[in-house]
N, C-alpha and C. Protein backbone atom coordinates (compact mmCIF):
# COMPACT_ATOMS: atom_id res chain seq x y z
N MET A 1 0.84 -1.19 0.00
CA MET A 1 0.00 0.00 0.00
C MET A 1 0.88 1.25 0.00
N ILE A 2 0.51 2.20 -0.81
CA ILE A 2 1.25 3.45 -0.89
C ILE A 2 0.84 4.34 0.28
N GLU A 3 1.83 4.82 1.03
CA GLU A 3 1.52 5.69 2.16
C GLU A 3 1.51 7.15 1.76
N ARG A 4 2.37 7.53 0.78
CA ARG A 4 2.40 8.92 0.33
C ARG A 4 3.17 9.02 -0.98
N ALA A 5 2.92 10.12 -1.66
CA ALA A 5 3.66 10.38 -2.89
C ALA A 5 5.07 10.83 -2.54
N GLU A 6 6.01 10.48 -3.41
CA GLU A 6 7.40 10.91 -3.23
C GLU A 6 7.80 11.83 -4.37
N VAL A 7 8.59 12.85 -4.04
CA VAL A 7 9.09 13.78 -5.04
C VAL A 7 10.41 13.27 -5.60
N ALA A 8 10.52 13.28 -6.91
CA ALA A 8 11.76 12.86 -7.59
C ALA A 8 12.09 13.89 -8.68
N VAL A 9 13.34 13.83 -9.13
CA VAL A 9 13.80 14.74 -10.19
C VAL A 9 14.47 13.94 -11.28
N GLY A 10 14.54 14.54 -12.46
CA GLY A 10 15.27 13.97 -13.58
C GLY A 10 16.10 15.05 -14.23
N ALA A 11 17.21 14.63 -14.85
CA ALA A 11 18.11 15.55 -15.54
C ALA A 11 18.04 15.29 -17.04
N ILE A 12 17.56 16.27 -17.78
CA ILE A 12 17.51 16.20 -19.24
C ILE A 12 18.80 16.86 -19.73
N VAL A 13 19.75 16.03 -20.16
CA VAL A 13 21.07 16.54 -20.54
C VAL A 13 21.30 16.24 -22.02
N ARG A 14 21.41 17.31 -22.82
CA ARG A 14 21.69 17.17 -24.24
C ARG A 14 23.10 17.67 -24.53
N ARG A 15 23.72 17.02 -25.50
CA ARG A 15 25.05 17.43 -25.96
C ARG A 15 25.10 17.15 -27.45
N GLY A 16 25.16 18.21 -28.26
CA GLY A 16 25.09 18.03 -29.70
C GLY A 16 23.77 17.37 -30.05
N ASP A 17 23.83 16.24 -30.77
CA ASP A 17 22.60 15.53 -31.11
C ASP A 17 22.37 14.33 -30.20
N GLY A 18 22.96 14.36 -29.00
CA GLY A 18 22.83 13.25 -28.07
C GLY A 18 22.08 13.61 -26.80
N LEU A 19 21.46 12.59 -26.20
CA LEU A 19 20.77 12.71 -24.92
C LEU A 19 21.41 11.73 -23.95
N LEU A 20 21.71 12.18 -22.74
CA LEU A 20 22.30 11.33 -21.73
C LEU A 20 21.23 10.43 -21.12
N LEU A 21 21.47 9.11 -21.19
CA LEU A 21 20.52 8.14 -20.66
C LEU A 21 21.24 7.15 -19.74
N VAL A 22 20.46 6.60 -18.82
CA VAL A 22 20.96 5.54 -17.94
C VAL A 22 20.01 4.35 -18.02
N ARG A 23 20.60 3.15 -17.93
CA ARG A 23 19.78 1.94 -17.82
C ARG A 23 19.60 1.67 -16.33
N ARG A 24 18.36 1.58 -15.92
CA ARG A 24 18.07 1.39 -14.50
C ARG A 24 18.54 0.03 -14.04
N GLY A 25 19.24 0.02 -12.90
CA GLY A 25 19.77 -1.22 -12.35
C GLY A 25 18.88 -1.81 -11.27
N ARG A 26 17.87 -1.05 -10.85
CA ARG A 26 16.97 -1.50 -9.77
C ARG A 26 15.53 -1.17 -10.13
N GLU A 27 14.62 -1.80 -9.41
CA GLU A 27 13.20 -1.48 -9.57
C GLU A 27 12.92 -0.11 -8.95
N PRO A 28 11.93 0.61 -9.41
CA PRO A 28 11.06 0.21 -10.51
C PRO A 28 11.74 0.36 -11.87
N ALA A 29 11.30 -0.43 -12.81
CA ALA A 29 11.75 -0.37 -14.20
C ALA A 29 13.20 -0.80 -14.41
N ALA A 30 13.68 -1.76 -13.65
CA ALA A 30 15.05 -2.27 -13.84
C ALA A 30 15.22 -2.75 -15.27
N GLY A 31 16.37 -2.40 -15.88
CA GLY A 31 16.69 -2.79 -17.23
C GLY A 31 16.20 -1.83 -18.30
N GLU A 32 15.35 -0.90 -17.93
CA GLU A 32 14.84 0.07 -18.90
C GLU A 32 15.68 1.34 -18.85
N TRP A 33 15.65 2.09 -19.95
CA TRP A 33 16.42 3.32 -20.07
C TRP A 33 15.60 4.51 -19.60
N SER A 34 16.30 5.47 -18.99
CA SER A 34 15.66 6.67 -18.49
C SER A 34 16.69 7.80 -18.46
N VAL A 35 16.24 8.99 -18.10
CA VAL A 35 17.18 10.08 -17.85
C VAL A 35 17.69 9.89 -16.42
N PRO A 36 18.88 10.38 -16.11
CA PRO A 36 19.38 10.27 -14.73
C PRO A 36 18.43 10.98 -13.77
N GLY A 37 18.21 10.39 -12.63
CA GLY A 37 17.33 11.03 -11.66
C GLY A 37 17.00 10.11 -10.51
N GLY A 38 16.23 10.64 -9.58
CA GLY A 38 15.82 9.87 -8.42
C GLY A 38 15.14 10.74 -7.39
N ARG A 39 14.96 10.16 -6.22
CA ARG A 39 14.24 10.83 -5.14
C ARG A 39 14.98 12.05 -4.61
N VAL A 40 14.20 13.04 -4.19
CA VAL A 40 14.74 14.21 -3.51
C VAL A 40 14.90 13.85 -2.04
N GLU A 41 16.08 14.10 -1.49
CA GLU A 41 16.36 13.80 -0.08
C GLU A 41 15.80 14.90 0.82
N PRO A 42 15.44 14.56 2.07
CA PRO A 42 14.95 15.59 3.00
C PRO A 42 15.96 16.73 3.15
N GLY A 43 15.47 17.95 3.08
CA GLY A 43 16.33 19.12 3.23
C GLY A 43 17.09 19.52 1.98
N GLU A 44 16.91 18.79 0.90
CA GLU A 44 17.62 19.04 -0.35
C GLU A 44 16.71 19.83 -1.29
N THR A 45 17.26 20.84 -1.97
CA THR A 45 16.47 21.55 -2.97
C THR A 45 16.37 20.69 -4.23
N LEU A 46 15.40 21.03 -5.06
CA LEU A 46 15.25 20.30 -6.32
C LEU A 46 16.51 20.40 -7.17
N MET A 47 17.09 21.59 -7.23
CA MET A 47 18.31 21.78 -8.03
C MET A 47 19.47 20.97 -7.48
N GLU A 48 19.61 20.92 -6.18
CA GLU A 48 20.67 20.11 -5.56
C GLU A 48 20.46 18.63 -5.88
N ALA A 49 19.20 18.19 -5.86
CA ALA A 49 18.90 16.79 -6.16
C ALA A 49 19.25 16.44 -7.60
N VAL A 50 18.97 17.33 -8.53
CA VAL A 50 19.30 17.08 -9.94
C VAL A 50 20.81 16.90 -10.10
N VAL A 51 21.58 17.80 -9.53
CA VAL A 51 23.04 17.74 -9.64
C VAL A 51 23.59 16.48 -8.96
N ARG A 52 23.06 16.16 -7.78
CA ARG A 52 23.52 14.96 -7.06
C ARG A 52 23.19 13.69 -7.83
N GLU A 53 21.96 13.56 -8.30
CA GLU A 53 21.55 12.35 -9.03
C GLU A 53 22.32 12.21 -10.33
N LEU A 54 22.55 13.31 -11.03
CA LEU A 54 23.35 13.27 -12.25
C LEU A 54 24.73 12.68 -11.95
N HIS A 55 25.35 13.16 -10.89
CA HIS A 55 26.69 12.67 -10.55
C HIS A 55 26.66 11.22 -10.06
N GLU A 56 25.70 10.89 -9.19
CA GLU A 56 25.63 9.52 -8.67
C GLU A 56 25.40 8.49 -9.76
N GLU A 57 24.56 8.80 -10.74
CA GLU A 57 24.20 7.81 -11.75
C GLU A 57 25.11 7.78 -12.96
N THR A 58 25.86 8.88 -13.21
CA THR A 58 26.69 8.93 -14.43
C THR A 58 28.14 9.30 -14.17
N GLY A 59 28.45 9.76 -12.95
CA GLY A 59 29.80 10.22 -12.65
C GLY A 59 30.09 11.61 -13.19
N LEU A 60 29.11 12.23 -13.85
CA LEU A 60 29.33 13.54 -14.46
C LEU A 60 28.91 14.67 -13.52
N ARG A 61 29.64 15.76 -13.60
CA ARG A 61 29.31 16.98 -12.86
C ARG A 61 28.48 17.87 -13.76
N GLY A 62 27.58 18.63 -13.15
CA GLY A 62 26.76 19.50 -13.97
C GLY A 62 26.08 20.57 -13.16
N VAL A 63 25.33 21.38 -13.87
CA VAL A 63 24.52 22.43 -13.24
C VAL A 63 23.09 22.24 -13.70
N CYS A 64 22.17 22.59 -12.83
CA CYS A 64 20.75 22.45 -13.10
C CYS A 64 20.22 23.70 -13.78
N GLY A 65 19.44 23.51 -14.82
CA GLY A 65 18.80 24.61 -15.54
C GLY A 65 17.31 24.65 -15.25
N PRO A 66 16.54 25.18 -16.19
CA PRO A 66 15.11 25.37 -15.97
C PRO A 66 14.30 24.07 -16.01
N LEU A 67 13.13 24.15 -15.42
CA LEU A 67 12.18 23.04 -15.43
C LEU A 67 11.71 22.78 -16.85
N VAL A 68 11.73 21.51 -17.27
CA VAL A 68 11.22 21.11 -18.58
C VAL A 68 9.75 20.74 -18.44
N GLY A 69 9.43 19.96 -17.41
CA GLY A 69 8.06 19.52 -17.18
C GLY A 69 8.00 18.52 -16.05
N TRP A 70 6.81 18.02 -15.79
CA TRP A 70 6.64 17.06 -14.70
C TRP A 70 5.68 15.95 -15.12
N VAL A 71 5.82 14.81 -14.43
CA VAL A 71 4.94 13.67 -14.65
C VAL A 71 4.65 13.01 -13.31
N GLU A 72 3.61 12.22 -13.28
CA GLU A 72 3.33 11.38 -12.12
C GLU A 72 3.37 9.93 -12.57
N ARG A 73 3.95 9.09 -11.75
CA ARG A 73 3.98 7.65 -12.01
C ARG A 73 3.37 6.97 -10.78
N ILE A 74 2.24 6.31 -11.01
CA ILE A 74 1.50 5.68 -9.92
C ILE A 74 1.30 4.21 -10.25
N SER A 75 1.64 3.34 -9.31
CA SER A 75 1.36 1.92 -9.45
C SER A 75 0.90 1.40 -8.10
N ASP A 76 0.78 0.09 -7.99
CA ASP A 76 0.34 -0.49 -6.72
C ASP A 76 1.32 -0.25 -5.58
N ASP A 77 2.63 -0.09 -5.91
CA ASP A 77 3.62 0.03 -4.84
C ASP A 77 4.35 1.37 -4.79
N HIS A 78 4.01 2.33 -5.68
CA HIS A 78 4.67 3.64 -5.58
C HIS A 78 3.84 4.74 -6.24
N HIS A 79 4.10 5.96 -5.81
CA HIS A 79 3.52 7.16 -6.41
C HIS A 79 4.63 8.20 -6.41
N PHE A 80 5.17 8.48 -7.60
CA PHE A 80 6.23 9.46 -7.74
C PHE A 80 5.71 10.68 -8.50
N VAL A 81 6.05 11.84 -8.02
CA VAL A 81 5.86 13.09 -8.74
C VAL A 81 7.27 13.48 -9.19
N ILE A 82 7.50 13.45 -10.51
CA ILE A 82 8.85 13.64 -11.05
C ILE A 82 8.93 14.96 -11.80
N LEU A 83 9.87 15.80 -11.38
CA LEU A 83 10.11 17.08 -12.03
C LEU A 83 11.40 16.98 -12.81
N ASP A 84 11.30 17.14 -14.13
CA ASP A 84 12.47 17.01 -14.99
C ASP A 84 13.01 18.40 -15.36
N PHE A 85 14.32 18.56 -15.16
CA PHE A 85 15.01 19.83 -15.41
C PHE A 85 16.06 19.66 -16.49
N GLU A 86 16.28 20.73 -17.26
CA GLU A 86 17.44 20.76 -18.14
C GLU A 86 18.67 20.77 -17.25
N ALA A 87 19.73 20.15 -17.70
CA ALA A 87 21.00 20.19 -16.97
C ALA A 87 22.12 20.26 -18.00
N THR A 88 23.21 20.87 -17.59
CA THR A 88 24.38 21.01 -18.45
C THR A 88 25.57 20.36 -17.77
N VAL A 89 26.28 19.50 -18.49
CA VAL A 89 27.46 18.85 -17.95
C VAL A 89 28.62 19.83 -18.00
N THR A 90 29.39 19.85 -16.93
CA THR A 90 30.60 20.66 -16.87
C THR A 90 31.79 19.73 -16.73
N GLY A 91 32.86 20.01 -17.43
CA GLY A 91 34.04 19.15 -17.34
C GLY A 91 33.91 17.93 -18.22
N ASP A 92 34.40 16.79 -17.71
CA ASP A 92 34.41 15.54 -18.46
C ASP A 92 33.01 15.18 -18.92
N VAL A 93 32.87 14.67 -20.15
CA VAL A 93 31.56 14.31 -20.69
C VAL A 93 31.44 12.80 -20.96
N THR A 94 32.34 12.01 -20.37
CA THR A 94 32.29 10.57 -20.55
C THR A 94 31.57 9.94 -19.36
N PRO A 95 30.32 9.46 -19.57
CA PRO A 95 29.56 8.91 -18.46
C PRO A 95 30.05 7.52 -18.04
N ALA A 96 29.89 7.23 -16.77
CA ALA A 96 30.18 5.90 -16.21
C ALA A 96 29.07 5.56 -15.24
N ALA A 97 28.42 4.43 -15.43
CA ALA A 97 27.29 4.05 -14.58
C ALA A 97 27.71 3.96 -13.12
N GLY A 98 26.85 4.45 -12.27
CA GLY A 98 27.09 4.39 -10.84
C GLY A 98 25.78 4.26 -10.10
N SER A 99 25.83 4.13 -8.80
CA SER A 99 24.68 3.99 -7.91
C SER A 99 23.70 2.97 -8.48
N ASP A 100 22.46 3.35 -8.79
CA ASP A 100 21.49 2.35 -9.24
C ASP A 100 21.36 2.25 -10.75
N ALA A 101 22.34 2.76 -11.50
CA ALA A 101 22.35 2.62 -12.96
C ALA A 101 23.28 1.47 -13.35
N SER A 102 22.86 0.66 -14.32
CA SER A 102 23.73 -0.42 -14.79
C SER A 102 24.53 0.00 -16.02
N GLU A 103 24.06 1.04 -16.74
CA GLU A 103 24.78 1.60 -17.89
C GLU A 103 24.46 3.08 -17.97
N ALA A 104 25.36 3.84 -18.56
CA ALA A 104 25.13 5.26 -18.83
C ALA A 104 25.79 5.58 -20.16
N ARG A 105 25.06 6.31 -21.02
CA ARG A 105 25.63 6.64 -22.33
C ARG A 105 24.89 7.79 -22.98
N TRP A 106 25.55 8.37 -23.97
CA TRP A 106 24.94 9.37 -24.84
C TRP A 106 24.25 8.62 -25.96
N CYS A 107 23.00 8.92 -26.21
CA CYS A 107 22.24 8.27 -27.27
C CYS A 107 21.83 9.32 -28.30
N PRO A 108 22.05 9.06 -29.59
CA PRO A 108 21.58 10.00 -30.59
C PRO A 108 20.07 10.25 -30.42
N LEU A 109 19.66 11.50 -30.50
CA LEU A 109 18.26 11.86 -30.30
C LEU A 109 17.33 11.06 -31.20
N SER A 110 17.76 10.80 -32.42
CA SER A 110 16.93 10.07 -33.38
C SER A 110 16.76 8.60 -33.02
N GLU A 111 17.56 8.08 -32.07
CA GLU A 111 17.49 6.67 -31.71
C GLU A 111 16.87 6.43 -30.33
N VAL A 112 16.60 7.48 -29.59
CA VAL A 112 16.10 7.34 -28.21
C VAL A 112 14.81 6.53 -28.16
N ALA A 113 13.84 6.85 -29.01
CA ALA A 113 12.53 6.20 -28.95
C ALA A 113 12.58 4.70 -29.26
N ALA A 114 13.65 4.24 -29.91
CA ALA A 114 13.78 2.81 -30.24
C ALA A 114 14.26 1.97 -29.05
N LEU A 115 14.74 2.62 -28.00
CA LEU A 115 15.23 1.90 -26.82
C LEU A 115 14.06 1.47 -25.94
N PRO A 116 14.28 0.45 -25.10
CA PRO A 116 13.26 0.09 -24.11
C PRO A 116 13.28 1.13 -22.98
N LEU A 117 12.45 2.16 -23.12
CA LEU A 117 12.43 3.28 -22.18
C LEU A 117 11.43 3.03 -21.06
N VAL A 118 11.63 3.71 -19.94
CA VAL A 118 10.64 3.66 -18.86
C VAL A 118 9.32 4.19 -19.40
N GLU A 119 8.24 3.72 -18.83
CA GLU A 119 6.91 4.08 -19.29
C GLU A 119 6.71 5.60 -19.40
N GLY A 120 6.26 6.03 -20.55
CA GLY A 120 5.91 7.43 -20.76
C GLY A 120 7.05 8.36 -21.11
N LEU A 121 8.30 7.88 -21.06
CA LEU A 121 9.43 8.78 -21.30
C LEU A 121 9.48 9.26 -22.75
N ALA A 122 9.26 8.38 -23.71
CA ALA A 122 9.30 8.81 -25.12
C ALA A 122 8.27 9.90 -25.37
N GLU A 123 7.07 9.71 -24.87
CA GLU A 123 6.02 10.71 -25.05
C GLU A 123 6.39 12.03 -24.40
N PHE A 124 6.92 11.97 -23.18
CA PHE A 124 7.34 13.18 -22.47
C PHE A 124 8.41 13.93 -23.26
N LEU A 125 9.43 13.21 -23.71
CA LEU A 125 10.53 13.84 -24.45
C LEU A 125 10.03 14.43 -25.77
N HIS A 126 9.13 13.75 -26.43
CA HIS A 126 8.57 14.26 -27.68
C HIS A 126 7.70 15.49 -27.42
N ASP A 127 6.83 15.40 -26.44
CA ASP A 127 5.92 16.51 -26.12
C ASP A 127 6.67 17.79 -25.74
N HIS A 128 7.89 17.64 -25.19
CA HIS A 128 8.68 18.80 -24.76
C HIS A 128 9.78 19.17 -25.77
N GLY A 129 9.69 18.60 -26.98
CA GLY A 129 10.60 18.99 -28.05
C GLY A 129 12.02 18.48 -27.91
N ILE A 130 12.23 17.43 -27.11
CA ILE A 130 13.57 16.89 -26.90
C ILE A 130 13.94 15.90 -28.01
N ILE A 131 13.00 15.01 -28.37
CA ILE A 131 13.24 14.06 -29.45
C ILE A 131 12.24 14.30 -30.58
N PRO A 132 12.64 13.97 -31.83
CA PRO A 132 11.79 14.30 -32.97
C PRO A 132 10.59 13.37 -33.16
N THR A 133 10.68 12.14 -32.68
CA THR A 133 9.61 11.17 -32.92
C THR A 133 9.54 10.17 -31.77
N ILE A 134 8.37 9.51 -31.66
CA ILE A 134 8.23 8.49 -30.60
C ILE A 134 7.99 7.12 -31.18
N VAL A 135 8.12 6.96 -32.49
CA VAL A 135 7.94 5.64 -33.10
C VAL A 135 9.22 5.17 -33.74
C-alpha cells in the first residue's frame, strides 16, 4: 500500500545531437532506459537533487537549468511526482554508470525512442521537443 507520494527529479542533458541516458539497475523499471534522476532527499532543494543524481548515476558533474516539465507515475507500490530539469554537464563528458544505474551513455536523439524506455518517457521527451519522434 502506498503511504504517500514521493518527489523525484530527472536531468535532461543534451550534448550536440545526443541525450544522456541511464539503464536502470533497480526497480522500478530495472533494465529500462531513463534520464538520470531519483528521489529528492529531506532538506535538499530540487536543483541540488538534480546535480547529485546526475553525478551519482553517471559520474558527471553538472549544473541544473530550468524546469522542462513534470509527470506522475503511480502503481500499486509507488507514487512518484517527477520534475524534470534541463542540466548542463561541466568538465568531463564521458559517463560511467554508478549507484542504481547499470549503464550510462549518450544516445543519438533520433534513436532514443527505439530503446526500451521507462513508461511514458518517449512521449514526455517528444511533447517537450527533446526528441523528434516516438515511433
